[in-house]
Amino acid sequence: MRTKMVAGNWKMNKNLQEGVALAKELKEIVKAPKCEVVIGTPFIHLATVAELLKGSPIKVAAENCADKEKGAFTGEVSAEMVKSTGAEYCILGHSERRAYYHEDYAILKEKVLLALANGLKPIFCIGEVKEEREAGRQNEVVKAQLEGSVFNLSAEEFCNITLAYEPVWAIGTGLTATPAQAQEMHAYIRSLLAEKYGKEVAEDTTILYGGSCNEKNAAELFANPDVDGGLIGGASLVAEKFKAIIDAR
């Protein structure tokens, strides 16, 4: 059985004190979840929050890592540094990183390799923008993103990857892919994995939905057979809302 998961992505929100307070609140209310629970925090939170959540069922993710191992790269944070904080996961390929910081297939390929080499589990994001969806190119776009950055991995390496499908037109817009649209894309992604790595790897890969998933629509989205959970943005910043989404899984 593949892992069911609800992962939060705080993005550039919450100062350190606010982030610690939210992590403490989550620790209090998330006691025996039926799925893997992960929170993705800004770099400055990682070590403190990872230590705080030790012994709890909540795991910690970085929201990014550098595409270089170490050296004169002022302001960058390496995968080794992330791992040293106690984080277990690393969110890579998020549409905001692709759009605002021009992370292309080659850069993301390096980030994935470095994350894996340092014992981190990537949550790798893929998805199309509104114009690509309207042109009917969403499958082509998602396939190219997978081929460009993760299909170089062996089947054994790929088993450490969680995928997150995020229709970019639904992130922070209030728009959400319908449950049917989400299932259609997740099933397509799984078919690509089966072609590349075989049915067993495809069936074992966790594929999350991200894109205005919240406490009101989570249960309906998660009811789809190929939707294994969610990568949650805004709703992960409020403990009770995030807990409701976890409970929906």
C-alpha atoms as a PDB file:
ATOM      1  CA  MET A   1       0.000   0.000   0.000  1.00  0.00           C
ATOM      2  CA  ARG A   2       1.343   3.418  -0.935  1.00  0.00           C
ATOM      3  CA  THR A   3       1.716   6.094   1.711  1.00  0.00           C
ATOM      4  CA  LYS A   4      -1.167   8.505   2.153  1.00  0.00           C
ATOM      5  CA  MET A   5       0.091  11.985   3.033  1.00  0.00           C
ATOM      6  CA  VAL A   6      -0.971  15.501   3.894  1.00  0.00           C
ATOM      7  CA  ALA A   7       1.902  17.982   3.595  1.00  0.00           C
ATOM      8  CA  GLY A   8       1.782  21.662   4.477  1.00  0.00           C
ATOM      9  CA  ASN A   9       3.799  24.299   2.637  1.00  0.00           C
ATOM     10  CA  TRP A  10       4.090  27.449   4.721  1.00  0.00           C
ATOM     11  CA  LYS A  11       5.894  29.336   1.917  1.00  0.00           C
ATOM     12  CA  MET A  12       7.310  32.714   3.055  1.00  0.00           C
ATOM     13  CA  ASN A  13       4.950  33.096   6.000  1.00  0.00           C
ATOM     14  CA  LYS A  14       5.380  33.110   9.795  1.00  0.00           C
ATOM     15  CA  ASN A  15       8.419  34.536  11.532  1.00  0.00           C
ATOM     16  CA  LEU A  16      10.355  32.111  13.723  1.00  0.00           C
ATOM     17  CA  GLN A  17       8.311  32.725  16.864  1.00  0.00           C
ATOM     18  CA  GLU A  18       5.002  32.406  14.978  1.00  0.00           C
ATOM     19  CA  GLY A  19       6.200  29.243  13.245  1.00  0.00           C
ATOM     20  CA  VAL A  20       7.224  27.647  16.545  1.00  0.00           C
ATOM     21  CA  ALA A  21       3.824  28.540  18.013  1.00  0.00           C
ATOM     22  CA  LEU A  22       2.029  26.920  15.052  1.00  0.00           C
ATOM     23  CA  ALA A  23       4.204  23.799  15.280  1.00  0.00           C
ATOM     24  CA  LYS A  24       3.423  23.524  19.021  1.00  0.00           C
ATOM     25  CA  GLU A  25      -0.291  23.858  18.302  1.00  0.00           C
ATOM     26  CA  LEU A  26      -0.126  21.138  15.644  1.00  0.00           C
ATOM     27  CA  LYS A  27       1.835  18.881  17.973  1.00  0.00           C
ATOM     28  CA  GLU A  28      -0.948  19.201  20.532  1.00  0.00           C
ATOM     29  CA  ILE A  29      -3.827  18.371  18.186  1.00  0.00           C
ATOM     30  CA  VAL A  30      -2.269  15.892  15.719  1.00  0.00           C
ATOM     31  CA  LYS A  31      -1.864  12.765  17.807  1.00  0.00           C
ATOM     32  CA  ALA A  32      -2.686   9.654  15.777  1.00  0.00           C
ATOM     33  CA  PRO A  33      -3.184  10.615  12.123  1.00  0.00           C
ATOM     34  CA  LYS A  34      -4.201   7.980   9.595  1.00  0.00           C
ATOM     35  CA  CYS A  35      -1.653   9.344   7.111  1.00  0.00           C
ATOM     36  CA  GLU A  36       1.870  10.726   6.979  1.00  0.00           C
ATOM     37  CA  VAL A  37       1.834  14.375   8.093  1.00  0.00           C
ATOM     38  CA  VAL A  38       4.570  16.757   6.903  1.00  0.00           C
ATOM     39  CA  ILE A  39       5.030  20.493   7.355  1.00  0.00           C
ATOM     40  CA  GLY A  40       7.271  22.458   5.005  1.00  0.00           C
ATOM     41  CA  THR A  41       8.773  25.460   6.768  1.00  0.00           C
ATOM     42  CA  PRO A  42      11.144  28.303   5.843  1.00  0.00           C
ATOM     43  CA  PHE A  43      14.814  27.450   6.309  1.00  0.00           C
ATOM     44  CA  ILE A  44      15.216  29.468   9.503  1.00  0.00           C
ATOM     45  CA  HIS A  45      12.498  27.413  11.215  1.00  0.00           C
ATOM     46  CA  LEU A  46      13.795  23.969  10.327  1.00  0.00           C
ATOM     47  CA  ALA A  47      16.161  23.081  13.173  1.00  0.00           C
ATOM     48  CA  THR A  48      13.915  24.503  15.908  1.00  0.00           C
ATOM     49  CA  VAL A  49      10.712  22.976  14.568  1.00  0.00           C
ATOM     50  CA  ALA A  50      12.317  19.581  13.829  1.00  0.00           C
ATOM     51  CA  GLU A  51      13.588  19.404  17.421  1.00  0.00           C
ATOM     52  CA  LEU A  52      10.200  20.483  18.775  1.00  0.00           C
ATOM     53  CA  LEU A  53       8.368  17.793  16.792  1.00  0.00           C
ATOM     54  CA  LYS A  54      10.693  14.926  17.722  1.00  0.00           C
ATOM     55  CA  GLY A  55       8.632  11.998  18.942  1.00  0.00           C
ATOM     56  CA  SER A  56       5.465  13.348  17.312  1.00  0.00           C
ATOM     57  CA  PRO A  57       3.888  11.923  14.143  1.00  0.00           C
ATOM     58  CA  ILE A  58       4.632  15.161  12.261  1.00  0.00           C
ATOM     59  CA  LYS A  59       7.622  15.215   9.922  1.00  0.00           C
ATOM     60  CA  VAL A  60       9.410  18.328   8.659  1.00  0.00           C
ATOM     61  CA  ALA A  61      10.292  19.403   5.113  1.00  0.00           C
ATOM     62  CA  ALA A  62      12.419  22.196   3.705  1.00  0.00           C
ATOM     63  CA  GLU A  63      10.738  24.232   0.982  1.00  0.00           C
ATOM     64  CA  ASN A  64      13.825  24.109  -1.248  1.00  0.00           C
ATOM     65  CA  CYS A  65      17.537  23.297  -1.350  1.00  0.00           C
ATOM     66  CA  ALA A  66      20.484  24.450  -3.442  1.00  0.00           C
ATOM     67  CA  ASP A  67      21.557  22.811  -6.690  1.00  0.00           C
ATOM     68  CA  LYS A  68      25.179  22.886  -5.498  1.00  0.00           C
ATOM     69  CA  GLU A  69      26.827  20.662  -2.903  1.00  0.00           C
ATOM     70  CA  LYS A  70      28.753  23.376  -1.011  1.00  0.00           C
ATOM     71  CA  GLY A  71      31.068  26.340  -1.537  1.00  0.00           C
ATOM     72  CA  ALA A  72      30.959  30.015  -2.446  1.00  0.00           C
ATOM     73  CA  PHE A  73      27.218  30.345  -3.051  1.00  0.00           C
ATOM     74  CA  THR A  74      26.243  33.131  -0.674  1.00  0.00           C
ATOM     75  CA  GLY A  75      22.727  32.840   0.688  1.00  0.00           C
ATOM     76  CA  GLU A  76      22.139  29.280  -0.527  1.00  0.00           C
ATOM     77  CA  VAL A  77      21.222  26.331   1.703  1.00  0.00           C
ATOM     78  CA  SER A  78      22.553  22.903   0.723  1.00  0.00           C
ATOM     79  CA  ALA A  79      20.764  19.580   0.980  1.00  0.00           C
ATOM     80  CA  GLU A  80      23.372  18.499   3.531  1.00  0.00           C
ATOM     81  CA  MET A  81      22.519  21.541   5.670  1.00  0.00           C
ATOM     82  CA  VAL A  82      18.806  20.766   5.410  1.00  0.00           C
ATOM     83  CA  LYS A  83      19.381  17.167   6.462  1.00  0.00           C
ATOM     84  CA  SER A  84      21.472  18.281   9.452  1.00  0.00           C
ATOM     85  CA  THR A  85      18.469  20.151  10.899  1.00  0.00           C
ATOM     86  CA  GLY A  86      16.468  16.952  11.312  1.00  0.00           C
ATOM     87  CA  ALA A  87      14.245  17.547   8.284  1.00  0.00           C
ATOM     88  CA  GLU A  88      13.263  14.400   6.369  1.00  0.00           C
ATOM     89  CA  TYR A  89      11.639  15.873   3.257  1.00  0.00           C
ATOM     90  CA  CYS A  90      12.407  18.610   0.743  1.00  0.00           C
ATOM     91  CA  ILE A  91       9.833  20.278  -1.517  1.00  0.00           C
ATOM     92  CA  LEU A  92      11.330  20.748  -4.994  1.00  0.00           C
ATOM     93  CA  GLY A  93      10.046  22.041  -8.318  1.00  0.00           C
ATOM     94  CA  HIS A  94       7.270  24.164  -6.860  1.00  0.00           C
ATOM     95  CA  SER A  95       5.694  26.347  -9.546  1.00  0.00           C
ATOM     96  CA  GLU A  96       6.713  29.487  -7.647  1.00  0.00           C
ATOM     97  CA  ARG A  97      10.372  28.407  -7.787  1.00  0.00           C
ATOM     98  CA  ARG A  98      10.023  27.636 -11.495  1.00  0.00           C
ATOM     99  CA  ALA A  99       8.284  30.945 -12.293  1.00  0.00           C
ATOM    100  CA  TYR A 100       9.993  33.482 -10.016  1.00  0.00           C
ATOM    101  CA  TYR A 101      13.482  31.995  -9.726  1.00  0.00           C
ATOM    102  CA  HIS A 102      13.720  30.419 -13.192  1.00  0.00           C
ATOM    103  CA  GLU A 103      14.432  26.895 -11.988  1.00  0.00           C
ATOM    104  CA  ASP A 104      14.566  24.778 -15.126  1.00  0.00           C
ATOM    105  CA  TYR A 105      14.671  21.018 -15.660  1.00  0.00           C
ATOM    106  CA  ALA A 106      18.469  20.851 -15.310  1.00  0.00           C
ATOM    107  CA  ILE A 107      18.578  22.795 -12.037  1.00  0.00           C
ATOM    108  CA  LEU A 108      15.789  20.708 -10.553  1.00  0.00           C
ATOM    109  CA  LYS A 109      17.474  17.501 -11.686  1.00  0.00           C
ATOM    110  CA  GLU A 110      20.570  18.505  -9.669  1.00  0.00           C
ATOM    111  CA  LYS A 111      18.486  19.439  -6.639  1.00  0.00           C
ATOM    112  CA  VAL A 112      16.712  16.073  -6.672  1.00  0.00           C
ATOM    113  CA  LEU A 113      20.011  14.192  -6.938  1.00  0.00           C
ATOM    114  CA  LEU A 114      21.574  16.169  -4.069  1.00  0.00           C
ATOM    115  CA  ALA A 115      18.499  15.747  -1.877  1.00  0.00           C
ATOM    116  CA  LEU A 116      18.547  11.972  -2.425  1.00  0.00           C
ATOM    117  CA  ALA A 117      22.324  11.784  -1.882  1.00  0.00           C
ATOM    118  CA  ASN A 118      21.837  13.411   1.510  1.00  0.00           C
ATOM    119  CA  GLY A 119      19.021  11.140   2.631  1.00  0.00           C
ATOM    120  CA  LEU A 120      16.169  13.562   2.017  1.00  0.00           C
ATOM    121  CA  LYS A 121      12.875  12.513   0.424  1.00  0.00           C
ATOM    122  CA  PRO A 122      11.868  14.953  -2.319  1.00  0.00           C
ATOM    123  CA  ILE A 123       8.272  16.062  -2.714  1.00  0.00           C
ATOM    124  CA  PHE A 124       8.530  16.919  -6.403  1.00  0.00           C
ATOM    125  CA  CYS A 125       5.951  19.318  -7.853  1.00  0.00           C
ATOM    126  CA  ILE A 126       4.642  19.229 -11.402  1.00  0.00           C
ATOM    127  CA  GLY A 127       1.765  20.979 -13.146  1.00  0.00           C
ATOM    128  CA  GLU A 128       0.584  23.235 -15.931  1.00  0.00           C
ATOM    129  CA  VAL A 129      -0.283  26.943 -16.086  1.00  0.00           C
ATOM    130  CA  LYS A 130      -3.699  28.226 -17.162  1.00  0.00           C
ATOM    131  CA  GLU A 131      -2.733  28.822 -20.812  1.00  0.00           C
ATOM    132  CA  GLU A 132      -1.381  25.272 -21.111  1.00  0.00           C
ATOM    133  CA  ARG A 133      -4.564  23.815 -19.613  1.00  0.00           C
ATOM    134  CA  GLU A 134      -6.752  25.896 -21.956  1.00  0.00           C
ATOM    135  CA  ALA A 135      -4.676  24.700 -24.924  1.00  0.00           C
ATOM    136  CA  GLY A 136      -5.143  21.075 -23.841  1.00  0.00           C
ATOM    137  CA  ARG A 137      -1.385  20.664 -23.295  1.00  0.00           C
ATOM    138  CA  GLN A 138      -1.464  19.685 -19.623  1.00  0.00           C
ATOM    139  CA  ASN A 139      -0.416  16.062 -20.225  1.00  0.00           C
ATOM    140  CA  GLU A 140       2.442  17.096 -22.502  1.00  0.00           C
ATOM    141  CA  VAL A 141       3.701  19.635 -19.924  1.00  0.00           C
ATOM    142  CA  VAL A 142       3.591  17.238 -16.981  1.00  0.00           C
ATOM    143  CA  LYS A 143       5.304  14.484 -18.970  1.00  0.00           C
ATOM    144  CA  ALA A 144       8.131  16.878 -19.961  1.00  0.00           C
ATOM    145  CA  GLN A 145       8.601  17.971 -16.338  1.00  0.00           C
ATOM    146  CA  LEU A 146       8.963  14.357 -15.200  1.00  0.00           C
ATOM    147  CA  GLU A 147      11.279  13.420 -18.060  1.00  0.00           C
ATOM    148  CA  GLY A 148      13.389  16.534 -17.538  1.00  0.00           C
ATOM    149  CA  SER A 149      14.070  16.192 -13.830  1.00  0.00           C
ATOM    150  CA  VAL A 150      13.274  12.787 -12.308  1.00  0.00           C
ATOM    151  CA  PHE A 151      13.049  10.108 -14.991  1.00  0.00           C
ATOM    152  CA  ASN A 152      16.846   9.882 -14.977  1.00  0.00           C
ATOM    153  CA  LEU A 153      16.553   8.141 -11.587  1.00  0.00           C
ATOM    154  CA  SER A 154      16.714   4.383 -11.176  1.00  0.00           C
ATOM    155  CA  ALA A 155      13.573   2.613  -9.959  1.00  0.00           C
ATOM    156  CA  GLU A 156      15.237   2.179  -6.561  1.00  0.00           C
ATOM    157  CA  GLU A 157      15.985   5.919  -6.332  1.00  0.00           C
ATOM    158  CA  PHE A 158      12.540   6.883  -7.570  1.00  0.00           C
ATOM    159  CA  CYS A 159      10.924   4.976  -4.709  1.00  0.00           C
ATOM    160  CA  ASN A 160      12.022   7.867  -2.453  1.00  0.00           C
ATOM    161  CA  ILE A 161      10.086  10.442  -4.503  1.00  0.00           C
ATOM    162  CA  THR A 162       6.635  11.771  -3.651  1.00  0.00           C
ATOM    163  CA  LEU A 163       4.960  13.610  -6.522  1.00  0.00           C
ATOM    164  CA  ALA A 164       2.653  16.596  -6.094  1.00  0.00           C
ATOM    165  CA  TYR A 165       0.423  17.605  -8.990  1.00  0.00           C
ATOM    166  CA  GLU A 166      -0.320  21.310  -8.739  1.00  0.00           C
ATOM    167  CA  PRO A 167      -2.355  22.900 -11.494  1.00  0.00           C
ATOM    168  CA  VAL A 168      -0.697  26.318 -11.353  1.00  0.00           C
ATOM    169  CA  TRP A 169      -3.962  28.064 -12.270  1.00  0.00           C
ATOM    170  CA  ALA A 170      -5.436  26.776  -8.995  1.00  0.00           C
ATOM    171  CA  ILE A 171      -2.691  27.921  -6.591  1.00  0.00           C
ATOM    172  CA  GLY A 172      -3.805  30.753  -4.344  1.00  0.00           C
ATOM    173  CA  THR A 173      -6.554  31.678  -6.824  1.00  0.00           C
ATOM    174  CA  GLY A 174      -9.481  30.049  -5.076  1.00  0.00           C
ATOM    175  CA  LEU A 175      -9.924  27.909  -8.187  1.00  0.00           C
ATOM    176  CA  THR A 176      -9.568  24.184  -7.660  1.00  0.00           C
ATOM    177  CA  ALA A 177      -9.350  21.370 -10.151  1.00  0.00           C
ATOM    178  CA  THR A 178     -12.569  19.387 -10.004  1.00  0.00           C
ATOM    179  CA  PRO A 179     -12.239  15.960  -8.396  1.00  0.00           C
ATOM    180  CA  ALA A 180     -12.625  14.507 -11.912  1.00  0.00           C
ATOM    181  CA  GLN A 181      -9.827  16.706 -13.313  1.00  0.00           C
ATOM    182  CA  ALA A 182      -7.552  15.795 -10.396  1.00  0.00           C
ATOM    183  CA  GLN A 183      -8.230  12.073 -10.800  1.00  0.00           C
ATOM    184  CA  GLU A 184      -7.721  12.225 -14.569  1.00  0.00           C
ATOM    185  CA  MET A 185      -4.286  13.836 -14.206  1.00  0.00           C
ATOM    186  CA  HIS A 186      -3.188  11.643 -11.304  1.00  0.00           C
ATOM    187  CA  ALA A 187      -4.166   8.531 -13.265  1.00  0.00           C
ATOM    188  CA  TYR A 188      -2.211   9.836 -16.274  1.00  0.00           C
ATOM    189  CA  ILE A 189       0.863  10.481 -14.113  1.00  0.00           C
ATOM    190  CA  ARG A 190       0.620   6.964 -12.704  1.00  0.00           C
ATOM    191  CA  SER A 191       0.412   5.580 -16.242  1.00  0.00           C
ATOM    192  CA  LEU A 192       3.655   7.411 -17.120  1.00  0.00           C
ATOM    193  CA  LEU A 193       5.318   5.892 -14.051  1.00  0.00           C
ATOM    194  CA  ALA A 194       4.127   2.433 -15.072  1.00  0.00           C
ATOM    195  CA  GLU A 195       5.604   2.906 -18.552  1.00  0.00           C
ATOM    196  CA  LYS A 196       8.926   4.071 -17.117  1.00  0.00           C
ATOM    197  CA  TYR A 197       9.370   1.974 -13.976  1.00  0.00           C
ATOM    198  CA  GLY A 198       6.725  -0.759 -14.111  1.00  0.00           C
ATOM    199  CA  LYS A 199       3.351  -1.215 -12.476  1.00  0.00           C
ATOM    200  CA  GLU A 200       4.667  -1.970  -8.977  1.00  0.00           C
ATOM    201  CA  VAL A 201       6.596   1.310  -8.670  1.00  0.00           C
ATOM    202  CA  ALA A 202       3.658   3.220 -10.181  1.00  0.00           C
ATOM    203  CA  GLU A 203       1.235   1.730  -7.667  1.00  0.00           C
ATOM    204  CA  ASP A 204       3.591   2.446  -4.766  1.00  0.00           C
ATOM    205  CA  THR A 205       4.231   6.119  -5.644  1.00  0.00           C
ATOM    206  CA  THR A 206       2.397   8.700  -3.560  1.00  0.00           C
ATOM    207  CA  ILE A 207       0.841  11.442  -5.717  1.00  0.00           C
ATOM    208  CA  LEU A 208      -0.510  14.471  -3.870  1.00  0.00           C
ATOM    209  CA  TYR A 209      -2.879  17.144  -5.152  1.00  0.00           C
ATOM    210  CA  GLY A 210      -1.947  20.788  -4.588  1.00  0.00           C
ATOM    211  CA  GLY A 211      -3.928  23.805  -5.652  1.00  0.00           C
ATOM    212  CA  SER A 212      -6.391  25.532  -3.324  1.00  0.00           C
ATOM    213  CA  CYS A 213      -7.036  22.292  -1.456  1.00  0.00           C
ATOM    214  CA  ASN A 214      -8.695  23.183   1.842  1.00  0.00           C
ATOM    215  CA  GLU A 215     -10.774  21.799   4.690  1.00  0.00           C
ATOM    216  CA  LYS A 216     -13.963  22.150   2.621  1.00  0.00           C
ATOM    217  CA  ASN A 217     -12.952  20.274  -0.538  1.00  0.00           C
ATOM    218  CA  ALA A 218     -10.270  17.881   0.762  1.00  0.00           C
ATOM    219  CA  ALA A 219     -12.524  14.885   1.399  1.00  0.00           C
ATOM    220  CA  GLU A 220     -14.010  15.022  -2.101  1.00  0.00           C
ATOM    221  CA  LEU A 221     -10.569  15.316  -3.727  1.00  0.00           C
ATOM    222  CA  PHE A 222      -9.060  12.577  -1.547  1.00  0.00           C
ATOM    223  CA  ALA A 223     -11.900  10.184  -2.406  1.00  0.00           C
ATOM    224  CA  ASN A 224     -10.356   9.666  -5.845  1.00  0.00           C
ATOM    225  CA  PRO A 225      -8.409   6.392  -6.148  1.00  0.00           C
ATOM    226  CA  ASP A 226      -5.245   8.025  -7.518  1.00  0.00           C
ATOM    227  CA  VAL A 227      -5.207  11.083  -5.210  1.00  0.00           C
ATOM    228  CA  ASP A 228      -3.130  10.043  -2.213  1.00  0.00           C
ATOM    229  CA  GLY A 229      -3.351  13.280  -0.245  1.00  0.00           C
ATOM    230  CA  GLY A 230      -2.567  16.952  -0.576  1.00  0.00           C
ATOM    231  CA  LEU A 231       0.176  19.553  -0.641  1.00  0.00           C
ATOM    232  CA  ILE A 232      -1.529  22.349   1.248  1.00  0.00           C
ATOM    233  CA  GLY A 233      -0.644  26.031   1.054  1.00  0.00           C
ATOM    234  CA  GLY A 234      -2.735  28.674   2.834  1.00  0.00           C
ATOM    235  CA  ALA A 235      -4.836  26.243   4.853  1.00  0.00           C
ATOM    236  CA  SER A 236      -1.678  24.770   6.422  1.00  0.00           C
ATOM    237  CA  LEU A 237      -1.067  28.076   8.229  1.00  0.00           C
ATOM    238  CA  VAL A 238      -4.108  27.572  10.487  1.00  0.00           C
ATOM    239  CA  ALA A 239      -3.818  24.583  12.799  1.00  0.00           C
ATOM    240  CA  GLU A 240      -7.514  23.696  12.935  1.00  0.00           C
ATOM    241  CA  LYS A 241      -7.914  23.903   9.153  1.00  0.00           C
ATOM    242  CA  PHE A 242      -4.824  21.772   8.574  1.00  0.00           C
ATOM    243  CA  LYS A 243      -6.049  19.235  11.138  1.00  0.00           C
ATOM    244  CA  ALA A 244      -9.413  19.033   9.326  1.00  0.00           C
ATOM    245  CA  ILE A 245      -7.606  18.235   6.066  1.00  0.00           C
ATOM    246  CA  ILE A 246      -5.500  15.568   7.816  1.00  0.00           C
ATOM    247  CA  ASP A 247      -8.697  14.039   9.209  1.00  0.00           C
ATOM    248  CA  ALA A 248     -10.224  14.021   5.696  1.00  0.00           C
ATOM    249  CA  ARG A 249      -7.396  11.763   4.513  1.00  0.00           C
END
